[in-house]
Amino acid sequence: MPILPTVRDPRLITVRRGGTLTDAHHQLLAVWAVACAEHVLPLFERERPDDPRPRDALDVARGWIRGEVPMREAHRTAFVANAAGKDLPDPARFAALAAGQAVAVAHVAAHDLGAAAYAIRAASAAAPEAEREAARLRERDWQREQVPAELRDPVLDDQRARSAICWDVFDD
C-alpha cells in the first residue's frame, strides 16, 4: 500500500519541485522524521542488537541535514534500512521501516509522514493487545509535540489528509 499521496500539499514540496518548502524547512522535516524513527529504534535493536543498518540510516539522515551527505546517498540508504526489517516481528520491522522513511526525506519531503506512521505502528505493535490503541495515541501525541512550530500546521494538515493511506494512525 503506497503511503505517498497522489496529490501533495505544496507547503510540503520543495521549491525545486514546484512547492513552497524551503531547504531550511525541508531539513526541519528531516529532523522531525529522524526523531520519530529514533524514538522506536530500540524495538529494532532489541530484536537485532548486532544490526546497525537502521541506526546508520539515521546517521546518514543527520549527515544530509548538515549538508555532508548527498541526497542520492541518503535515498539509497533508505533501502538498506528497509531491508533490515525483513522477516522480523512487526515492532522491529516497523521500526526499521521508520528509519528508512526518515532517511528518504532527503529525496522526497513527504516521507516524513512515513517515518511517523511506521513509528506509530511499531509502538502500537509492541504493546499488549489491550493497550495498542493507547500506545498508538501516546506515540502520535509525542510525535506531535516534536513537530517544529513553523511546520505544525502543514504537518497536522498532512496527517489529516493522509491518515487513511497511513493505516489511520493519525486519527483522533
N, C-alpha and C. Protein backbone atom coordinates (compact mmCIF):
# COMPACT_ATOMS: atom_id res chain seq x y z
N MET A 1 0.85 -1.19 0.00
CA MET A 1 0.00 0.00 0.00
C MET A 1 0.89 1.25 0.00
N PRO A 2 0.73 2.13 -0.98
CA PRO A 2 1.56 3.33 -1.01
C PRO A 2 1.16 4.32 0.09
N ILE A 3 2.17 4.95 0.66
CA ILE A 3 1.86 5.94 1.69
C ILE A 3 2.18 7.36 1.23
N LEU A 4 2.59 7.48 -0.02
CA LEU A 4 2.76 8.82 -0.60
C LEU A 4 1.48 9.17 -1.36
N PRO A 5 0.97 10.36 -1.14
CA PRO A 5 -0.29 10.74 -1.80
C PRO A 5 -0.09 11.05 -3.27
N THR A 6 -1.15 10.93 -4.03
CA THR A 6 -1.07 11.31 -5.44
C THR A 6 -1.06 12.83 -5.57
N VAL A 7 -1.76 13.51 -4.69
CA VAL A 7 -1.77 14.97 -4.66
C VAL A 7 -1.13 15.40 -3.35
N ARG A 8 -0.12 16.23 -3.45
CA ARG A 8 0.60 16.65 -2.25
C ARG A 8 0.39 18.13 -1.97
N ASP A 9 0.47 18.46 -0.70
CA ASP A 9 0.37 19.83 -0.23
C ASP A 9 1.62 20.58 -0.68
N PRO A 10 1.47 21.68 -1.43
CA PRO A 10 2.64 22.41 -1.91
C PRO A 10 3.52 22.95 -0.78
N ARG A 11 2.95 23.10 0.41
CA ARG A 11 3.76 23.56 1.55
C ARG A 11 4.78 22.51 1.96
N LEU A 12 4.58 21.26 1.50
CA LEU A 12 5.48 20.17 1.86
C LEU A 12 6.21 19.61 0.64
N ILE A 13 6.25 20.41 -0.41
CA ILE A 13 7.01 20.08 -1.62
C ILE A 13 8.11 21.13 -1.74
N THR A 14 9.32 20.68 -2.00
CA THR A 14 10.43 21.63 -2.08
C THR A 14 10.24 22.62 -3.22
N VAL A 15 10.84 23.77 -3.05
CA VAL A 15 10.79 24.82 -4.05
C VAL A 15 11.28 24.28 -5.40
N ARG A 16 12.34 23.44 -5.37
CA ARG A 16 12.89 22.89 -6.62
C ARG A 16 11.89 22.00 -7.35
N ARG A 17 10.92 21.46 -6.64
CA ARG A 17 9.92 20.59 -7.27
C ARG A 17 8.58 21.30 -7.46
N GLY A 18 8.58 22.61 -7.33
CA GLY A 18 7.38 23.39 -7.61
C GLY A 18 6.54 23.74 -6.40
N GLY A 19 6.99 23.41 -5.21
CA GLY A 19 6.25 23.74 -4.00
C GLY A 19 6.81 24.98 -3.33
N THR A 20 6.49 25.12 -2.06
CA THR A 20 6.94 26.30 -1.32
C THR A 20 7.85 25.94 -0.14
N LEU A 21 8.19 24.67 0.01
CA LEU A 21 9.02 24.22 1.12
C LEU A 21 10.48 24.65 0.90
N THR A 22 10.98 25.47 1.81
CA THR A 22 12.36 25.92 1.71
C THR A 22 13.32 24.81 2.13
N ASP A 23 14.58 24.96 1.80
CA ASP A 23 15.58 23.98 2.22
C ASP A 23 15.64 23.88 3.74
N ALA A 24 15.57 25.01 4.42
CA ALA A 24 15.63 25.01 5.88
C ALA A 24 14.45 24.23 6.47
N HIS A 25 13.26 24.41 5.92
CA HIS A 25 12.10 23.68 6.41
C HIS A 25 12.16 22.21 6.02
N HIS A 26 12.71 21.91 4.86
CA HIS A 26 12.90 20.52 4.45
C HIS A 26 13.81 19.82 5.47
N GLN A 27 14.87 20.49 5.85
CA GLN A 27 15.77 19.93 6.85
C GLN A 27 15.07 19.74 8.19
N LEU A 28 14.22 20.68 8.58
CA LEU A 28 13.47 20.54 9.83
C LEU A 28 12.52 19.34 9.78
N LEU A 29 11.90 19.10 8.62
CA LEU A 29 11.06 17.90 8.48
C LEU A 29 11.90 16.65 8.67
N ALA A 30 13.12 16.66 8.13
CA ALA A 30 14.01 15.52 8.28
C ALA A 30 14.40 15.32 9.74
N VAL A 31 14.66 16.42 10.45
CA VAL A 31 14.99 16.32 11.88
C VAL A 31 13.83 15.67 12.63
N TRP A 32 12.62 16.10 12.31
CA TRP A 32 11.44 15.53 12.96
C TRP A 32 11.29 14.05 12.62
N ALA A 33 11.47 13.70 11.36
CA ALA A 33 11.34 12.30 10.95
C ALA A 33 12.38 11.43 11.65
N VAL A 34 13.59 11.93 11.77
CA VAL A 34 14.63 11.18 12.49
C VAL A 34 14.23 10.99 13.94
N ALA A 35 13.70 12.02 14.57
CA ALA A 35 13.27 11.90 15.98
C ALA A 35 12.18 10.84 16.12
N CYS A 36 11.23 10.83 15.19
CA CYS A 36 10.15 9.83 15.24
C CYS A 36 10.72 8.42 15.12
N ALA A 37 11.62 8.22 14.16
CA ALA A 37 12.20 6.89 13.96
C ALA A 37 13.09 6.48 15.14
N GLU A 38 13.87 7.42 15.62
CA GLU A 38 14.78 7.09 16.73
C GLU A 38 14.01 6.74 18.00
N HIS A 39 12.84 7.32 18.16
CA HIS A 39 12.03 7.07 19.35
C HIS A 39 11.65 5.59 19.47
N VAL A 40 11.49 4.90 18.35
CA VAL A 40 11.11 3.49 18.38
C VAL A 40 12.26 2.56 17.98
N LEU A 41 13.41 3.11 17.66
CA LEU A 41 14.54 2.29 17.23
C LEU A 41 14.91 1.19 18.23
N PRO A 42 14.77 1.40 19.54
CA PRO A 42 15.07 0.30 20.47
C PRO A 42 14.26 -0.98 20.20
N LEU A 43 13.09 -0.85 19.59
CA LEU A 43 12.30 -2.04 19.26
C LEU A 43 13.01 -2.90 18.23
N PHE A 44 13.71 -2.26 17.31
CA PHE A 44 14.52 -3.00 16.34
C PHE A 44 15.78 -3.53 17.02
N GLU A 45 16.44 -2.68 17.76
CA GLU A 45 17.73 -3.05 18.33
C GLU A 45 17.63 -4.16 19.38
N ARG A 46 16.50 -4.27 20.04
CA ARG A 46 16.30 -5.41 20.96
C ARG A 46 16.21 -6.72 20.19
N GLU A 47 15.62 -6.67 19.02
CA GLU A 47 15.46 -7.86 18.18
C GLU A 47 16.76 -8.21 17.45
N ARG A 48 17.46 -7.18 16.98
CA ARG A 48 18.69 -7.38 16.20
C ARG A 48 19.79 -6.45 16.72
N PRO A 49 20.33 -6.72 17.91
CA PRO A 49 21.31 -5.80 18.51
C PRO A 49 22.59 -5.65 17.70
N ASP A 50 22.90 -6.61 16.84
CA ASP A 50 24.15 -6.53 16.07
C ASP A 50 23.95 -5.98 14.65
N ASP A 51 22.76 -5.49 14.35
CA ASP A 51 22.48 -4.97 13.02
C ASP A 51 22.38 -3.44 13.09
N PRO A 52 23.40 -2.75 12.60
CA PRO A 52 23.42 -1.28 12.71
C PRO A 52 22.69 -0.54 11.59
N ARG A 53 22.10 -1.24 10.64
CA ARG A 53 21.59 -0.56 9.44
C ARG A 53 20.57 0.54 9.73
N PRO A 54 19.53 0.33 10.54
CA PRO A 54 18.60 1.44 10.77
C PRO A 54 19.25 2.62 11.50
N ARG A 55 20.08 2.34 12.51
CA ARG A 55 20.76 3.43 13.21
C ARG A 55 21.70 4.16 12.26
N ASP A 56 22.43 3.40 11.44
CA ASP A 56 23.31 4.03 10.46
C ASP A 56 22.52 4.91 9.50
N ALA A 57 21.32 4.47 9.12
CA ALA A 57 20.48 5.27 8.22
C ALA A 57 20.12 6.61 8.86
N LEU A 58 19.84 6.59 10.16
CA LEU A 58 19.52 7.85 10.84
C LEU A 58 20.75 8.75 10.90
N ASP A 59 21.93 8.15 11.02
CA ASP A 59 23.15 8.95 10.99
C ASP A 59 23.35 9.56 9.60
N VAL A 60 23.05 8.81 8.55
CA VAL A 60 23.13 9.34 7.19
C VAL A 60 22.13 10.49 7.03
N ALA A 61 20.93 10.32 7.57
CA ALA A 61 19.93 11.40 7.50
C ALA A 61 20.46 12.66 8.19
N ARG A 62 21.06 12.49 9.34
CA ARG A 62 21.63 13.65 10.04
C ARG A 62 22.75 14.29 9.19
N GLY A 63 23.53 13.45 8.53
CA GLY A 63 24.57 13.98 7.64
C GLY A 63 23.97 14.78 6.50
N TRP A 64 22.86 14.30 5.94
CA TRP A 64 22.19 15.05 4.89
C TRP A 64 21.69 16.39 5.43
N ILE A 65 21.11 16.36 6.62
CA ILE A 65 20.60 17.59 7.23
C ILE A 65 21.71 18.62 7.38
N ARG A 66 22.90 18.15 7.75
CA ARG A 66 24.06 19.06 7.92
C ARG A 66 24.71 19.44 6.59
N GLY A 67 24.26 18.84 5.49
CA GLY A 67 24.83 19.14 4.19
C GLY A 67 26.07 18.33 3.87
N GLU A 68 26.32 17.26 4.61
CA GLU A 68 27.51 16.45 4.43
C GLU A 68 27.29 15.20 3.57
N VAL A 69 26.04 14.86 3.33
CA VAL A 69 25.70 13.65 2.58
C VAL A 69 24.81 14.05 1.41
N PRO A 70 25.15 13.61 0.20
CA PRO A 70 24.30 13.94 -0.94
C PRO A 70 22.94 13.22 -0.86
N MET A 71 21.95 13.84 -1.47
CA MET A 71 20.60 13.27 -1.46
C MET A 71 20.60 11.85 -2.00
N ARG A 72 21.30 11.58 -3.06
CA ARG A 72 21.28 10.23 -3.66
C ARG A 72 21.79 9.17 -2.68
N GLU A 73 22.81 9.50 -1.92
CA GLU A 73 23.31 8.55 -0.93
C GLU A 73 22.27 8.30 0.16
N ALA A 74 21.63 9.37 0.61
CA ALA A 74 20.58 9.22 1.62
C ALA A 74 19.44 8.36 1.06
N HIS A 75 19.05 8.61 -0.17
CA HIS A 75 17.98 7.85 -0.79
C HIS A 75 18.34 6.37 -0.87
N ARG A 76 19.54 6.04 -1.29
CA ARG A 76 19.98 4.64 -1.36
C ARG A 76 19.98 3.99 0.02
N THR A 77 20.34 4.75 1.03
CA THR A 77 20.40 4.22 2.39
C THR A 77 19.01 3.83 2.90
N ALA A 78 17.98 4.46 2.39
CA ALA A 78 16.62 4.10 2.81
C ALA A 78 16.33 2.64 2.52
N PHE A 79 16.77 2.16 1.38
CA PHE A 79 16.52 0.76 1.01
C PHE A 79 17.27 -0.20 1.93
N VAL A 80 18.45 0.20 2.36
CA VAL A 80 19.25 -0.62 3.27
C VAL A 80 18.53 -0.74 4.62
N ALA A 81 18.03 0.37 5.13
CA ALA A 81 17.31 0.35 6.41
C ALA A 81 16.03 -0.48 6.29
N ASN A 82 15.31 -0.31 5.19
CA ASN A 82 14.08 -1.08 4.99
C ASN A 82 14.38 -2.58 4.98
N ALA A 83 15.46 -2.96 4.33
CA ALA A 83 15.81 -4.38 4.23
C ALA A 83 16.13 -4.98 5.59
N ALA A 84 16.60 -4.17 6.51
CA ALA A 84 16.93 -4.67 7.84
C ALA A 84 15.70 -5.24 8.56
N GLY A 85 14.53 -4.75 8.22
CA GLY A 85 13.31 -5.20 8.89
C GLY A 85 12.69 -6.45 8.31
N LYS A 86 13.23 -6.92 7.19
CA LYS A 86 12.64 -8.07 6.51
C LYS A 86 12.54 -9.29 7.43
N ASP A 87 11.36 -9.90 7.44
CA ASP A 87 11.09 -11.14 8.19
C ASP A 87 11.20 -10.99 9.71
N LEU A 88 11.13 -9.79 10.22
CA LEU A 88 11.17 -9.58 11.67
C LEU A 88 9.75 -9.40 12.21
N PRO A 89 9.57 -9.58 13.50
CA PRO A 89 8.26 -9.28 14.10
C PRO A 89 7.88 -7.82 13.85
N ASP A 90 6.59 -7.55 13.82
CA ASP A 90 6.10 -6.21 13.46
C ASP A 90 6.78 -5.06 14.19
N PRO A 91 6.95 -5.08 15.51
CA PRO A 91 7.57 -3.91 16.15
C PRO A 91 8.95 -3.58 15.57
N ALA A 92 9.78 -4.60 15.39
CA ALA A 92 11.13 -4.38 14.86
C ALA A 92 11.07 -4.01 13.38
N ARG A 93 10.23 -4.68 12.63
CA ARG A 93 10.10 -4.39 11.20
C ARG A 93 9.63 -2.96 10.97
N PHE A 94 8.61 -2.55 11.70
CA PHE A 94 8.10 -1.19 11.53
C PHE A 94 9.13 -0.15 11.97
N ALA A 95 9.92 -0.45 13.01
CA ALA A 95 10.97 0.48 13.45
C ALA A 95 12.02 0.65 12.35
N ALA A 96 12.41 -0.45 11.70
CA ALA A 96 13.37 -0.36 10.60
C ALA A 96 12.78 0.45 9.45
N LEU A 97 11.50 0.22 9.14
CA LEU A 97 10.86 0.98 8.06
C LEU A 97 10.75 2.47 8.40
N ALA A 98 10.55 2.78 9.68
CA ALA A 98 10.53 4.19 10.10
C ALA A 98 11.88 4.84 9.82
N ALA A 99 12.97 4.12 10.10
CA ALA A 99 14.30 4.66 9.82
C ALA A 99 14.50 4.84 8.32
N GLY A 100 14.04 3.88 7.53
CA GLY A 100 14.15 4.00 6.08
C GLY A 100 13.39 5.20 5.55
N GLN A 101 12.20 5.42 6.07
CA GLN A 101 11.41 6.58 5.65
C GLN A 101 12.07 7.89 6.09
N ALA A 102 12.65 7.89 7.28
CA ALA A 102 13.29 9.11 7.79
C ALA A 102 14.44 9.54 6.89
N VAL A 103 15.29 8.61 6.48
CA VAL A 103 16.42 8.98 5.62
C VAL A 103 15.93 9.31 4.22
N ALA A 104 14.80 8.76 3.81
CA ALA A 104 14.24 9.06 2.48
C ALA A 104 13.67 10.48 2.38
N VAL A 105 13.49 11.15 3.50
CA VAL A 105 13.02 12.54 3.48
C VAL A 105 13.97 13.41 2.64
N ALA A 106 15.24 13.05 2.60
CA ALA A 106 16.19 13.80 1.78
C ALA A 106 15.77 13.79 0.32
N HIS A 107 15.16 12.71 -0.12
CA HIS A 107 14.73 12.55 -1.51
C HIS A 107 13.38 13.21 -1.75
N VAL A 108 12.40 12.91 -0.90
CA VAL A 108 11.05 13.46 -1.00
C VAL A 108 10.58 13.81 0.41
N ALA A 109 10.29 15.07 0.62
CA ALA A 109 9.92 15.54 1.96
C ALA A 109 8.73 14.78 2.54
N ALA A 110 7.81 14.34 1.68
CA ALA A 110 6.60 13.65 2.15
C ALA A 110 6.88 12.34 2.87
N HIS A 111 8.10 11.84 2.78
CA HIS A 111 8.45 10.64 3.54
C HIS A 111 8.46 10.90 5.05
N ASP A 112 8.40 12.16 5.45
CA ASP A 112 8.37 12.47 6.88
C ASP A 112 7.19 11.77 7.55
N LEU A 113 6.04 11.80 6.89
CA LEU A 113 4.86 11.15 7.46
C LEU A 113 5.00 9.64 7.45
N GLY A 114 5.74 9.09 6.51
CA GLY A 114 6.01 7.65 6.52
C GLY A 114 6.80 7.25 7.75
N ALA A 115 7.82 8.06 8.08
CA ALA A 115 8.60 7.78 9.29
C ALA A 115 7.71 7.82 10.52
N ALA A 116 6.88 8.83 10.60
CA ALA A 116 5.98 8.96 11.74
C ALA A 116 4.97 7.82 11.80
N ALA A 117 4.38 7.48 10.66
CA ALA A 117 3.36 6.42 10.64
C ALA A 117 3.95 5.07 11.03
N TYR A 118 5.12 4.73 10.49
CA TYR A 118 5.73 3.45 10.84
C TYR A 118 6.16 3.44 12.30
N ALA A 119 6.59 4.58 12.82
CA ALA A 119 6.95 4.63 14.24
C ALA A 119 5.72 4.38 15.12
N ILE A 120 4.60 4.96 14.72
CA ILE A 120 3.37 4.72 15.48
C ILE A 120 2.98 3.25 15.39
N ARG A 121 3.08 2.68 14.21
CA ARG A 121 2.76 1.25 14.06
C ARG A 121 3.69 0.39 14.91
N ALA A 122 4.97 0.75 14.98
CA ALA A 122 5.92 -0.01 15.80
C ALA A 122 5.54 0.06 17.27
N ALA A 123 5.24 1.26 17.76
CA ALA A 123 4.88 1.42 19.17
C ALA A 123 3.61 0.66 19.49
N SER A 124 2.64 0.74 18.61
CA SER A 124 1.38 0.04 18.82
C SER A 124 1.58 -1.47 18.80
N ALA A 125 2.34 -1.97 17.84
CA ALA A 125 2.56 -3.41 17.73
C ALA A 125 3.34 -3.97 18.90
N ALA A 126 4.14 -3.14 19.55
CA ALA A 126 4.94 -3.59 20.69
C ALA A 126 4.12 -3.70 21.97
N ALA A 127 2.96 -3.08 21.98
CA ALA A 127 2.12 -3.08 23.19
C ALA A 127 1.26 -4.34 23.24
N PRO A 128 0.90 -4.76 24.45
CA PRO A 128 -0.07 -5.86 24.56
C PRO A 128 -1.36 -5.49 23.83
N GLU A 129 -2.04 -6.47 23.32
CA GLU A 129 -3.25 -6.26 22.50
C GLU A 129 -4.21 -5.24 23.12
N ALA A 130 -4.49 -5.35 24.39
CA ALA A 130 -5.46 -4.48 25.05
C ALA A 130 -4.96 -3.04 25.18
N GLU A 131 -3.68 -2.81 24.99
CA GLU A 131 -3.10 -1.48 25.18
C GLU A 131 -2.65 -0.83 23.87
N ARG A 132 -2.92 -1.48 22.75
CA ARG A 132 -2.40 -0.98 21.47
C ARG A 132 -2.95 0.38 21.08
N GLU A 133 -4.22 0.60 21.28
CA GLU A 133 -4.80 1.90 20.93
C GLU A 133 -4.20 3.00 21.79
N ALA A 134 -4.04 2.75 23.06
CA ALA A 134 -3.43 3.74 23.95
C ALA A 134 -1.98 4.00 23.53
N ALA A 135 -1.27 2.96 23.13
CA ALA A 135 0.12 3.12 22.68
C ALA A 135 0.17 3.94 21.40
N ARG A 136 -0.78 3.70 20.50
CA ARG A 136 -0.84 4.47 19.25
C ARG A 136 -1.03 5.95 19.56
N LEU A 137 -1.97 6.25 20.42
CA LEU A 137 -2.25 7.64 20.75
C LEU A 137 -1.08 8.31 21.47
N ARG A 138 -0.44 7.58 22.37
CA ARG A 138 0.73 8.13 23.07
C ARG A 138 1.84 8.49 22.09
N GLU A 139 2.12 7.57 21.18
CA GLU A 139 3.18 7.82 20.20
C GLU A 139 2.80 8.97 19.27
N ARG A 140 1.58 8.96 18.79
CA ARG A 140 1.12 10.05 17.92
C ARG A 140 1.23 11.40 18.62
N ASP A 141 0.78 11.45 19.88
CA ASP A 141 0.82 12.70 20.62
C ASP A 141 2.25 13.14 20.92
N TRP A 142 3.12 12.18 21.23
CA TRP A 142 4.53 12.51 21.46
C TRP A 142 5.12 13.11 20.19
N GLN A 143 4.85 12.49 19.06
CA GLN A 143 5.35 12.99 17.79
C GLN A 143 4.87 14.41 17.51
N ARG A 144 3.61 14.64 17.77
CA ARG A 144 3.05 15.97 17.50
C ARG A 144 3.72 17.04 18.36
N GLU A 145 4.15 16.67 19.56
CA GLU A 145 4.87 17.62 20.41
C GLU A 145 6.24 17.96 19.84
N GLN A 146 6.78 17.07 19.00
CA GLN A 146 8.11 17.26 18.43
C GLN A 146 8.11 18.05 17.13
N VAL A 147 6.95 18.23 16.51
CA VAL A 147 6.89 18.93 15.22
C VAL A 147 7.38 20.37 15.41
N PRO A 148 8.32 20.81 14.58
CA PRO A 148 8.76 22.21 14.68
C PRO A 148 7.57 23.16 14.53
N ALA A 149 7.54 24.17 15.38
CA ALA A 149 6.39 25.09 15.44
C ALA A 149 6.03 25.66 14.07
N GLU A 150 7.03 26.03 13.27
CA GLU A 150 6.74 26.67 11.99
C GLU A 150 6.20 25.69 10.95
N LEU A 151 6.25 24.39 11.26
CA LEU A 151 5.72 23.37 10.33
C LEU A 151 4.50 22.66 10.89
N ARG A 152 4.07 23.06 12.07
CA ARG A 152 2.98 22.36 12.74
C ARG A 152 1.71 22.31 11.88
N ASP A 153 1.27 23.43 11.34
CA ASP A 153 0.03 23.44 10.56
C ASP A 153 0.11 22.55 9.33
N PRO A 154 1.15 22.68 8.49
CA PRO A 154 1.17 21.79 7.32
C PRO A 154 1.33 20.31 7.69
N VAL A 155 2.08 20.00 8.72
CA VAL A 155 2.24 18.60 9.12
C VAL A 155 0.92 18.03 9.63
N LEU A 156 0.24 18.77 10.49
CA LEU A 156 -1.05 18.28 11.00
C LEU A 156 -2.09 18.19 9.90
N ASP A 157 -2.09 19.15 8.97
CA ASP A 157 -3.00 19.07 7.82
C ASP A 157 -2.68 17.82 6.99
N ASP A 158 -1.40 17.56 6.79
CA ASP A 158 -0.97 16.38 6.02
C ASP A 158 -1.39 15.10 6.73
N GLN A 159 -1.27 15.08 8.04
CA GLN A 159 -1.71 13.90 8.79
C GLN A 159 -3.20 13.65 8.59
N ARG A 160 -3.99 14.70 8.66
CA ARG A 160 -5.43 14.53 8.44
C ARG A 160 -5.72 14.04 7.03
N ALA A 161 -5.03 14.60 6.05
CA ALA A 161 -5.27 14.25 4.66
C ALA A 161 -4.79 12.84 4.32
N ARG A 162 -3.73 12.39 4.96
CA ARG A 162 -3.11 11.12 4.59
C ARG A 162 -3.33 9.99 5.59
N SER A 163 -4.05 10.22 6.65
CA SER A 163 -4.21 9.18 7.65
C SER A 163 -4.77 7.89 7.06
N ALA A 164 -5.73 8.02 6.16
CA ALA A 164 -6.36 6.82 5.58
C ALA A 164 -5.36 5.96 4.81
N ILE A 165 -4.37 6.59 4.15
CA ILE A 165 -3.38 5.78 3.43
C ILE A 165 -2.20 5.42 4.32
N CYS A 166 -2.23 5.89 5.56
CA CYS A 166 -1.20 5.56 6.56
C CYS A 166 -1.83 4.77 7.70
N TRP A 167 -2.71 3.83 7.34
CA TRP A 167 -3.31 2.89 8.29
C TRP A 167 -4.09 3.56 9.41
N ASP A 168 -4.56 4.79 9.17
CA ASP A 168 -5.37 5.54 10.14
C ASP A 168 -4.64 5.84 11.44
N VAL A 169 -3.32 5.81 11.43
CA VAL A 169 -2.57 6.00 12.67
C VAL A 169 -2.65 7.42 13.21
N PHE A 170 -2.99 8.39 12.37
CA PHE A 170 -3.03 9.77 12.82
C PHE A 170 -4.42 10.20 13.28
N ASP A 171 -5.39 9.31 13.18
CA ASP A 171 -6.76 9.66 13.58
C ASP A 171 -6.84 10.00 15.07
N ASP A 172 -7.83 10.85 15.37
CA ASP A 172 -8.08 11.21 16.77
C ASP A 172 -8.98 10.19 17.43
